[in-house]
Amino acid sequence: MLRVIVLVVVLTGIARADDVVVTLPKTKATLRIPTSWTRVERTGLVVGFRDPRGVLLAVTRAQVPNPDAWRAKTRDAYLEQIERGVLASIRGAKKLSRSTRTANGVPALELEVRRDDGATIVTRILVFRTYALALAIEVPKRVALDDARAIVKSFEPPRQ
């Protein structure tokens, strides 16, 4: 019986013991962050956090209809338009990677961008039908991206 329980725990991908699930207001989306991170309060943020190494995390919300993200014919062009806006908003942006996917049924755009000062911005934008949630994590130069990438992966609505 114990072997079965251990196997189930391993297969379900239980988060690290030092992670906490953050629920976000007015949405079912959540994210997981290490418990060592501290909350940052700023006007305009859904939620913000900072880690001891200077990594900053911000989640913002835009109340905007996104029907083109939900149509197969127009999804790619719509997400490319969002990408152009993100790149234009980051000083000295150099795109490192881009991917699109669905996060439990919700269209999502993921970007990694290097700024001219060497910092990397890791993002995931969830494009719901009537609003969008954007997670951006600023990782200073010489800090590993592993935590930021894990947090981005965890930023999603629950399985339907």
N, C-alpha and C. Protein backbone atom coordinates (compact mmCIF):
# COMPACT_ATOMS: atom_id res chain seq x y z
N MET A 1 0.82 -1.20 0.00
CA MET A 1 0.00 0.00 0.00
C MET A 1 0.86 1.25 0.00
N LEU A 2 1.92 1.27 0.81
CA LEU A 2 2.80 2.42 0.88
C LEU A 2 3.45 2.69 -0.47
N ARG A 3 3.84 1.62 -1.19
CA ARG A 3 4.43 1.80 -2.52
C ARG A 3 3.46 2.48 -3.47
N VAL A 4 2.21 2.13 -3.40
CA VAL A 4 1.19 2.73 -4.26
C VAL A 4 1.07 4.22 -3.96
N ILE A 5 1.04 4.58 -2.67
CA ILE A 5 0.93 5.99 -2.28
C ILE A 5 2.14 6.77 -2.76
N VAL A 6 3.34 6.22 -2.59
CA VAL A 6 4.56 6.89 -3.04
C VAL A 6 4.52 7.07 -4.54
N LEU A 7 4.11 6.05 -5.28
CA LEU A 7 4.03 6.13 -6.73
C LEU A 7 3.04 7.21 -7.15
N VAL A 8 1.89 7.28 -6.53
CA VAL A 8 0.89 8.30 -6.86
C VAL A 8 1.46 9.70 -6.61
N VAL A 9 2.13 9.88 -5.49
CA VAL A 9 2.73 11.18 -5.18
C VAL A 9 3.75 11.56 -6.24
N VAL A 10 4.61 10.63 -6.64
CA VAL A 10 5.62 10.91 -7.66
C VAL A 10 4.97 11.22 -9.00
N LEU A 11 3.98 10.48 -9.39
CA LEU A 11 3.34 10.66 -10.69
C LEU A 11 2.51 11.93 -10.78
N THR A 12 1.98 12.41 -9.68
CA THR A 12 1.15 13.61 -9.73
C THR A 12 1.98 14.88 -9.70
N GLY A 13 3.28 14.79 -9.52
CA GLY A 13 4.14 15.96 -9.58
C GLY A 13 3.89 16.94 -8.45
N ILE A 14 3.80 16.45 -7.23
CA ILE A 14 3.60 17.32 -6.08
C ILE A 14 4.70 18.37 -6.07
N ALA A 15 4.33 19.62 -5.77
CA ALA A 15 5.28 20.73 -5.74
C ALA A 15 6.31 20.52 -4.63
N ARG A 16 7.40 21.25 -4.75
CA ARG A 16 8.41 21.20 -3.70
C ARG A 16 7.78 21.63 -2.38
N ALA A 17 8.34 21.12 -1.31
CA ALA A 17 7.81 21.43 0.02
C ALA A 17 7.91 22.91 0.34
N ASP A 18 8.83 23.61 -0.31
CA ASP A 18 9.01 25.03 -0.01
C ASP A 18 8.24 25.93 -0.99
N ASP A 19 7.24 25.40 -1.66
CA ASP A 19 6.39 26.20 -2.55
C ASP A 19 5.05 26.48 -1.88
N VAL A 20 4.44 27.59 -2.27
CA VAL A 20 3.11 27.93 -1.80
C VAL A 20 2.25 28.27 -3.02
N VAL A 21 1.00 27.85 -3.00
CA VAL A 21 0.08 28.17 -4.08
C VAL A 21 -0.53 29.54 -3.81
N VAL A 22 -0.44 30.41 -4.78
CA VAL A 22 -1.01 31.76 -4.67
C VAL A 22 -2.28 31.79 -5.50
N THR A 23 -3.40 32.05 -4.87
CA THR A 23 -4.65 32.23 -5.60
C THR A 23 -4.79 33.71 -5.94
N LEU A 24 -5.29 33.97 -7.11
CA LEU A 24 -5.39 35.34 -7.61
C LEU A 24 -6.85 35.78 -7.57
N PRO A 25 -7.11 37.02 -7.21
CA PRO A 25 -8.50 37.49 -7.11
C PRO A 25 -9.17 37.59 -8.48
N LYS A 26 -10.47 37.32 -8.50
CA LYS A 26 -11.32 37.46 -9.68
C LYS A 26 -10.89 36.58 -10.86
N THR A 27 -10.27 35.45 -10.56
CA THR A 27 -9.89 34.47 -11.57
C THR A 27 -9.64 33.14 -10.87
N LYS A 28 -9.68 32.06 -11.63
CA LYS A 28 -9.36 30.76 -11.06
C LYS A 28 -7.89 30.41 -11.23
N ALA A 29 -7.14 31.26 -11.94
CA ALA A 29 -5.72 30.99 -12.17
C ALA A 29 -4.94 31.06 -10.86
N THR A 30 -3.92 30.24 -10.77
CA THR A 30 -3.04 30.22 -9.60
C THR A 30 -1.59 30.16 -10.09
N LEU A 31 -0.67 30.34 -9.14
CA LEU A 31 0.73 30.11 -9.42
C LEU A 31 1.40 29.62 -8.16
N ARG A 32 2.54 28.98 -8.32
CA ARG A 32 3.31 28.46 -7.18
C ARG A 32 4.61 29.24 -7.08
N ILE A 33 4.91 29.69 -5.86
CA ILE A 33 6.17 30.39 -5.63
C ILE A 33 6.86 29.81 -4.40
N PRO A 34 8.18 29.93 -4.33
CA PRO A 34 8.88 29.48 -3.13
C PRO A 34 8.46 30.31 -1.91
N THR A 35 8.42 29.70 -0.76
CA THR A 35 8.00 30.41 0.46
C THR A 35 8.99 31.49 0.87
N SER A 36 10.20 31.46 0.35
CA SER A 36 11.20 32.47 0.70
C SER A 36 10.91 33.82 0.04
N TRP A 37 9.99 33.86 -0.91
CA TRP A 37 9.66 35.10 -1.59
C TRP A 37 8.72 35.93 -0.71
N THR A 38 8.85 37.25 -0.77
CA THR A 38 7.99 38.13 0.02
C THR A 38 7.07 38.93 -0.89
N ARG A 39 5.91 39.22 -0.36
CA ARG A 39 4.89 39.94 -1.12
C ARG A 39 5.28 41.40 -1.28
N VAL A 40 5.00 41.96 -2.44
CA VAL A 40 5.25 43.36 -2.77
C VAL A 40 3.91 43.99 -3.13
N GLU A 41 3.57 45.08 -2.49
CA GLU A 41 2.32 45.77 -2.78
C GLU A 41 2.60 46.96 -3.70
N ARG A 42 1.96 46.99 -4.86
CA ARG A 42 2.08 48.10 -5.79
C ARG A 42 0.72 48.33 -6.44
N THR A 43 0.36 49.57 -6.62
CA THR A 43 -0.88 49.92 -7.31
C THR A 43 -0.82 49.36 -8.73
N GLY A 44 -1.91 48.77 -9.17
CA GLY A 44 -1.99 48.24 -10.52
C GLY A 44 -1.61 46.78 -10.65
N LEU A 45 -1.04 46.19 -9.59
CA LEU A 45 -0.67 44.78 -9.64
C LEU A 45 -1.78 43.92 -9.06
N VAL A 46 -2.03 42.79 -9.68
CA VAL A 46 -2.90 41.79 -9.06
C VAL A 46 -2.15 41.22 -7.87
N VAL A 47 -0.87 40.90 -8.08
CA VAL A 47 0.00 40.42 -7.02
C VAL A 47 1.45 40.65 -7.44
N GLY A 48 2.31 40.85 -6.46
CA GLY A 48 3.74 41.01 -6.72
C GLY A 48 4.55 40.33 -5.64
N PHE A 49 5.73 39.84 -6.02
CA PHE A 49 6.63 39.18 -5.07
C PHE A 49 8.08 39.52 -5.42
N ARG A 50 8.95 39.37 -4.44
CA ARG A 50 10.40 39.57 -4.60
C ARG A 50 11.09 38.42 -3.89
N ASP A 51 12.18 37.94 -4.48
CA ASP A 51 12.94 36.91 -3.78
C ASP A 51 14.22 37.52 -3.23
N PRO A 52 14.93 36.81 -2.35
CA PRO A 52 16.12 37.38 -1.71
C PRO A 52 17.24 37.77 -2.67
N ARG A 53 17.25 37.22 -3.89
CA ARG A 53 18.30 37.53 -4.87
C ARG A 53 17.97 38.74 -5.73
N GLY A 54 16.78 39.34 -5.51
CA GLY A 54 16.39 40.50 -6.29
C GLY A 54 15.50 40.19 -7.48
N VAL A 55 15.05 38.94 -7.60
CA VAL A 55 14.11 38.58 -8.66
C VAL A 55 12.76 39.19 -8.33
N LEU A 56 12.12 39.83 -9.31
CA LEU A 56 10.81 40.46 -9.11
C LEU A 56 9.76 39.75 -9.94
N LEU A 57 8.57 39.59 -9.36
CA LEU A 57 7.44 38.95 -10.03
C LEU A 57 6.26 39.89 -9.97
N ALA A 58 5.56 40.05 -11.09
CA ALA A 58 4.35 40.87 -11.12
C ALA A 58 3.30 40.18 -11.97
N VAL A 59 2.06 40.20 -11.48
CA VAL A 59 0.92 39.74 -12.26
C VAL A 59 0.01 40.93 -12.46
N THR A 60 -0.34 41.20 -13.71
CA THR A 60 -1.26 42.28 -14.04
C THR A 60 -2.47 41.71 -14.78
N ARG A 61 -3.53 42.50 -14.79
CA ARG A 61 -4.77 42.08 -15.44
C ARG A 61 -5.26 43.18 -16.37
N ALA A 62 -5.68 42.79 -17.56
CA ALA A 62 -6.28 43.72 -18.51
C ALA A 62 -7.68 43.21 -18.82
N GLN A 63 -8.66 44.04 -18.56
CA GLN A 63 -10.05 43.68 -18.83
C GLN A 63 -10.33 44.00 -20.30
N VAL A 64 -10.16 43.01 -21.16
CA VAL A 64 -10.27 43.21 -22.60
C VAL A 64 -10.81 41.94 -23.24
N PRO A 65 -11.77 42.07 -24.16
CA PRO A 65 -12.27 40.88 -24.85
C PRO A 65 -11.20 40.33 -25.81
N ASN A 66 -11.09 39.02 -25.88
CA ASN A 66 -10.05 38.38 -26.71
C ASN A 66 -10.63 37.32 -27.64
N PRO A 67 -11.69 37.61 -28.39
CA PRO A 67 -12.29 36.55 -29.22
C PRO A 67 -11.32 35.97 -30.25
N ASP A 68 -10.39 36.78 -30.77
CA ASP A 68 -9.47 36.27 -31.78
C ASP A 68 -8.49 35.24 -31.23
N ALA A 69 -8.23 35.27 -29.94
CA ALA A 69 -7.35 34.27 -29.32
C ALA A 69 -8.04 32.91 -29.23
N TRP A 70 -9.35 32.90 -29.32
CA TRP A 70 -10.13 31.68 -29.16
C TRP A 70 -10.57 31.08 -30.49
N ARG A 71 -10.20 31.70 -31.60
CA ARG A 71 -10.51 31.17 -32.93
C ARG A 71 -9.22 30.64 -33.56
N ALA A 72 -9.25 29.42 -34.03
CA ALA A 72 -8.05 28.80 -34.60
C ALA A 72 -7.47 29.64 -35.75
N LYS A 73 -8.33 30.22 -36.58
CA LYS A 73 -7.87 30.99 -37.75
C LYS A 73 -7.12 32.26 -37.37
N THR A 74 -7.47 32.87 -36.23
CA THR A 74 -6.91 34.17 -35.88
C THR A 74 -5.98 34.13 -34.67
N ARG A 75 -5.87 32.99 -34.01
CA ARG A 75 -5.10 32.89 -32.76
C ARG A 75 -3.64 33.30 -32.93
N ASP A 76 -2.95 32.74 -33.92
CA ASP A 76 -1.51 33.03 -34.07
C ASP A 76 -1.26 34.51 -34.31
N ALA A 77 -2.03 35.11 -35.19
CA ALA A 77 -1.85 36.54 -35.48
C ALA A 77 -2.14 37.38 -34.23
N TYR A 78 -3.14 37.00 -33.47
CA TYR A 78 -3.49 37.74 -32.26
C TYR A 78 -2.36 37.66 -31.22
N LEU A 79 -1.83 36.46 -31.02
CA LEU A 79 -0.74 36.30 -30.06
C LEU A 79 0.53 37.00 -30.54
N GLU A 80 0.77 37.04 -31.85
CA GLU A 80 1.92 37.79 -32.38
C GLU A 80 1.77 39.28 -32.11
N GLN A 81 0.56 39.77 -32.19
CA GLN A 81 0.30 41.18 -31.89
C GLN A 81 0.61 41.47 -30.41
N ILE A 82 0.21 40.59 -29.53
CA ILE A 82 0.53 40.75 -28.10
C ILE A 82 2.05 40.72 -27.91
N GLU A 83 2.71 39.78 -28.57
CA GLU A 83 4.18 39.68 -28.48
C GLU A 83 4.85 40.98 -28.90
N ARG A 84 4.43 41.56 -30.02
CA ARG A 84 5.02 42.83 -30.47
C ARG A 84 4.85 43.91 -29.41
N GLY A 85 3.70 43.96 -28.76
CA GLY A 85 3.47 44.94 -27.71
C GLY A 85 4.39 44.73 -26.53
N VAL A 86 4.58 43.48 -26.13
CA VAL A 86 5.47 43.18 -25.01
C VAL A 86 6.90 43.59 -25.36
N LEU A 87 7.37 43.20 -26.53
CA LEU A 87 8.74 43.53 -26.93
C LEU A 87 8.96 45.04 -27.03
N ALA A 88 7.96 45.76 -27.50
CA ALA A 88 8.08 47.21 -27.61
C ALA A 88 8.13 47.89 -26.24
N SER A 89 7.60 47.23 -25.23
CA SER A 89 7.55 47.83 -23.89
C SER A 89 8.81 47.56 -23.05
N ILE A 90 9.71 46.73 -23.55
CA ILE A 90 10.91 46.37 -22.79
C ILE A 90 12.12 47.04 -23.43
N ARG A 91 12.81 47.86 -22.66
CA ARG A 91 13.98 48.62 -23.13
C ARG A 91 15.07 47.67 -23.64
N GLY A 92 15.48 47.86 -24.88
CA GLY A 92 16.57 47.06 -25.45
C GLY A 92 16.26 45.59 -25.54
N ALA A 93 15.01 45.22 -25.80
CA ALA A 93 14.58 43.83 -25.78
C ALA A 93 15.21 43.00 -26.89
N LYS A 94 15.72 41.83 -26.50
CA LYS A 94 16.19 40.83 -27.45
C LYS A 94 15.45 39.53 -27.11
N LYS A 95 14.61 39.08 -28.02
CA LYS A 95 13.82 37.87 -27.77
C LYS A 95 14.73 36.65 -27.73
N LEU A 96 14.63 35.88 -26.64
CA LEU A 96 15.39 34.65 -26.49
C LEU A 96 14.58 33.43 -26.89
N SER A 97 13.29 33.42 -26.52
CA SER A 97 12.42 32.30 -26.88
C SER A 97 10.97 32.75 -26.87
N ARG A 98 10.16 32.01 -27.60
CA ARG A 98 8.73 32.27 -27.68
C ARG A 98 8.03 30.94 -27.89
N SER A 99 6.90 30.77 -27.21
CA SER A 99 6.07 29.60 -27.47
C SER A 99 4.62 29.97 -27.20
N THR A 100 3.75 29.27 -27.90
CA THR A 100 2.32 29.41 -27.65
C THR A 100 1.80 28.03 -27.30
N ARG A 101 0.77 28.02 -26.49
CA ARG A 101 0.19 26.76 -26.04
C ARG A 101 -1.18 27.04 -25.46
N THR A 102 -1.81 26.02 -24.94
CA THR A 102 -2.99 26.23 -24.12
C THR A 102 -2.64 25.75 -22.72
N ALA A 103 -3.00 26.55 -21.76
CA ALA A 103 -2.80 26.21 -20.35
C ALA A 103 -4.16 25.78 -19.82
N ASN A 104 -4.36 24.47 -19.79
CA ASN A 104 -5.65 23.91 -19.37
C ASN A 104 -6.81 24.54 -20.13
N GLY A 105 -6.63 24.65 -21.45
CA GLY A 105 -7.69 25.14 -22.32
C GLY A 105 -7.64 26.62 -22.63
N VAL A 106 -6.82 27.39 -21.94
CA VAL A 106 -6.74 28.84 -22.14
C VAL A 106 -5.52 29.16 -23.01
N PRO A 107 -5.70 29.90 -24.12
CA PRO A 107 -4.54 30.27 -24.94
C PRO A 107 -3.51 31.02 -24.10
N ALA A 108 -2.23 30.69 -24.35
CA ALA A 108 -1.15 31.30 -23.58
C ALA A 108 0.03 31.60 -24.48
N LEU A 109 0.68 32.72 -24.20
CA LEU A 109 1.90 33.13 -24.88
C LEU A 109 3.01 33.17 -23.84
N GLU A 110 4.14 32.54 -24.15
CA GLU A 110 5.30 32.56 -23.26
C GLU A 110 6.47 33.20 -24.00
N LEU A 111 7.14 34.11 -23.32
CA LEU A 111 8.30 34.79 -23.89
C LEU A 111 9.43 34.85 -22.87
N GLU A 112 10.65 34.74 -23.37
CA GLU A 112 11.83 35.08 -22.58
C GLU A 112 12.56 36.15 -23.37
N VAL A 113 12.86 37.26 -22.68
CA VAL A 113 13.46 38.42 -23.33
C VAL A 113 14.64 38.89 -22.50
N ARG A 114 15.75 39.21 -23.16
CA ARG A 114 16.90 39.79 -22.46
C ARG A 114 16.87 41.29 -22.69
N ARG A 115 16.98 42.03 -21.59
CA ARG A 115 17.03 43.49 -21.64
C ARG A 115 18.46 43.94 -21.90
N ASP A 116 18.64 45.19 -22.29
CA ASP A 116 19.98 45.69 -22.58
C ASP A 116 20.88 45.75 -21.35
N ASP A 117 20.33 45.72 -20.14
CA ASP A 117 21.16 45.70 -18.93
C ASP A 117 21.53 44.28 -18.49
N GLY A 118 21.13 43.26 -19.27
CA GLY A 118 21.46 41.88 -18.97
C GLY A 118 20.41 41.11 -18.20
N ALA A 119 19.40 41.80 -17.67
CA ALA A 119 18.31 41.11 -16.97
C ALA A 119 17.46 40.34 -17.98
N THR A 120 16.86 39.25 -17.53
CA THR A 120 15.96 38.46 -18.37
C THR A 120 14.56 38.59 -17.82
N ILE A 121 13.60 38.78 -18.73
CA ILE A 121 12.18 38.84 -18.37
C ILE A 121 11.54 37.56 -18.88
N VAL A 122 10.95 36.80 -17.97
CA VAL A 122 10.26 35.55 -18.31
C VAL A 122 8.78 35.80 -18.11
N THR A 123 7.98 35.55 -19.15
CA THR A 123 6.55 35.89 -19.09
C THR A 123 5.67 34.74 -19.55
N ARG A 124 4.45 34.77 -19.04
CA ARG A 124 3.34 33.97 -19.58
C ARG A 124 2.12 34.85 -19.51
N ILE A 125 1.42 34.93 -20.62
CA ILE A 125 0.19 35.70 -20.69
C ILE A 125 -0.95 34.72 -20.98
N LEU A 126 -1.90 34.67 -20.06
CA LEU A 126 -3.09 33.84 -20.22
C LEU A 126 -4.18 34.70 -20.83
N VAL A 127 -4.70 34.28 -21.97
CA VAL A 127 -5.65 35.09 -22.71
C VAL A 127 -7.05 34.47 -22.57
N PHE A 128 -7.73 34.87 -21.51
CA PHE A 128 -9.10 34.40 -21.28
C PHE A 128 -10.04 35.09 -22.26
N ARG A 129 -11.28 34.69 -22.29
CA ARG A 129 -12.24 35.27 -23.24
C ARG A 129 -12.50 36.76 -23.01
N THR A 130 -12.56 37.19 -21.75
CA THR A 130 -12.93 38.59 -21.47
C THR A 130 -11.85 39.38 -20.74
N TYR A 131 -10.71 38.77 -20.48
CA TYR A 131 -9.60 39.46 -19.84
C TYR A 131 -8.32 38.69 -20.10
N ALA A 132 -7.19 39.31 -19.78
CA ALA A 132 -5.89 38.66 -19.89
C ALA A 132 -5.13 38.86 -18.58
N LEU A 133 -4.42 37.83 -18.16
CA LEU A 133 -3.53 37.91 -17.01
C LEU A 133 -2.10 37.76 -17.51
N ALA A 134 -1.23 38.67 -17.11
CA ALA A 134 0.16 38.62 -17.54
C ALA A 134 1.06 38.44 -16.32
N LEU A 135 1.87 37.42 -16.36
CA LEU A 135 2.89 37.17 -15.34
C LEU A 135 4.23 37.55 -15.95
N ALA A 136 4.97 38.43 -15.29
CA ALA A 136 6.31 38.81 -15.74
C ALA A 136 7.26 38.65 -14.56
N ILE A 137 8.38 37.99 -14.81
CA ILE A 137 9.39 37.80 -13.77
C ILE A 137 10.70 38.38 -14.28
N GLU A 138 11.22 39.36 -13.57
CA GLU A 138 12.48 39.99 -13.92
C GLU A 138 13.60 39.31 -13.14
N VAL A 139 14.52 38.69 -13.88
CA VAL A 139 15.62 37.96 -13.27
C VAL A 139 16.92 38.73 -13.56
N PRO A 140 17.59 39.21 -12.51
CA PRO A 140 18.83 39.97 -12.73
C PRO A 140 19.91 39.13 -13.43
N LYS A 141 20.81 39.83 -14.07
CA LYS A 141 21.96 39.20 -14.71
C LYS A 141 22.68 38.31 -13.67
N ARG A 142 23.13 37.16 -14.09
CA ARG A 142 23.88 36.20 -13.27
C ARG A 142 23.02 35.46 -12.24
N VAL A 143 21.71 35.51 -12.36
CA VAL A 143 20.83 34.70 -11.50
C VAL A 143 20.19 33.65 -12.41
N ALA A 144 20.20 32.40 -11.97
CA ALA A 144 19.65 31.29 -12.76
C ALA A 144 18.16 31.50 -13.01
N LEU A 145 17.69 31.01 -14.14
CA LEU A 145 16.29 31.17 -14.55
C LEU A 145 15.39 30.03 -14.10
N ASP A 146 15.92 29.02 -13.42
CA ASP A 146 15.14 27.83 -13.08
C ASP A 146 13.87 28.14 -12.30
N ASP A 147 13.97 28.94 -11.23
CA ASP A 147 12.77 29.27 -10.43
C ASP A 147 11.75 30.02 -11.27
N ALA A 148 12.20 30.98 -12.07
CA ALA A 148 11.27 31.76 -12.89
C ALA A 148 10.54 30.87 -13.88
N ARG A 149 11.26 29.97 -14.51
CA ARG A 149 10.61 29.06 -15.48
C ARG A 149 9.62 28.13 -14.79
N ALA A 150 9.94 27.66 -13.61
CA ALA A 150 9.02 26.79 -12.87
C ALA A 150 7.75 27.55 -12.47
N ILE A 151 7.91 28.79 -12.06
CA ILE A 151 6.75 29.60 -11.68
C ILE A 151 5.87 29.85 -12.90
N VAL A 152 6.48 30.18 -14.03
CA VAL A 152 5.72 30.41 -15.26
C VAL A 152 4.91 29.17 -15.62
N LYS A 153 5.53 28.01 -15.51
CA LYS A 153 4.83 26.75 -15.81
C LYS A 153 3.62 26.54 -14.89
N SER A 154 3.74 27.00 -13.65
CA SER A 154 2.67 26.78 -12.68
C SER A 154 1.52 27.77 -12.83
N PHE A 155 1.72 28.83 -13.60
CA PHE A 155 0.73 29.90 -13.76
C PHE A 155 -0.32 29.47 -14.78
N GLU A 156 -1.46 29.01 -14.27
CA GLU A 156 -2.50 28.49 -15.15
C GLU A 156 -3.82 28.36 -14.40
N PRO A 157 -4.89 28.25 -15.16
CA PRO A 157 -6.18 27.97 -14.51
C PRO A 157 -6.23 26.47 -14.18
N PRO A 158 -7.16 26.08 -13.31
CA PRO A 158 -7.26 24.66 -12.97
C PRO A 158 -7.75 23.84 -14.16
N ARG A 159 -7.45 22.54 -14.12
CA ARG A 159 -7.96 21.64 -15.17
C ARG A 159 -9.48 21.65 -15.14
N GLN A 160 -10.06 21.64 -16.30
CA GLN A 160 -11.53 21.66 -16.40
C GLN A 160 -12.09 20.26 -16.33
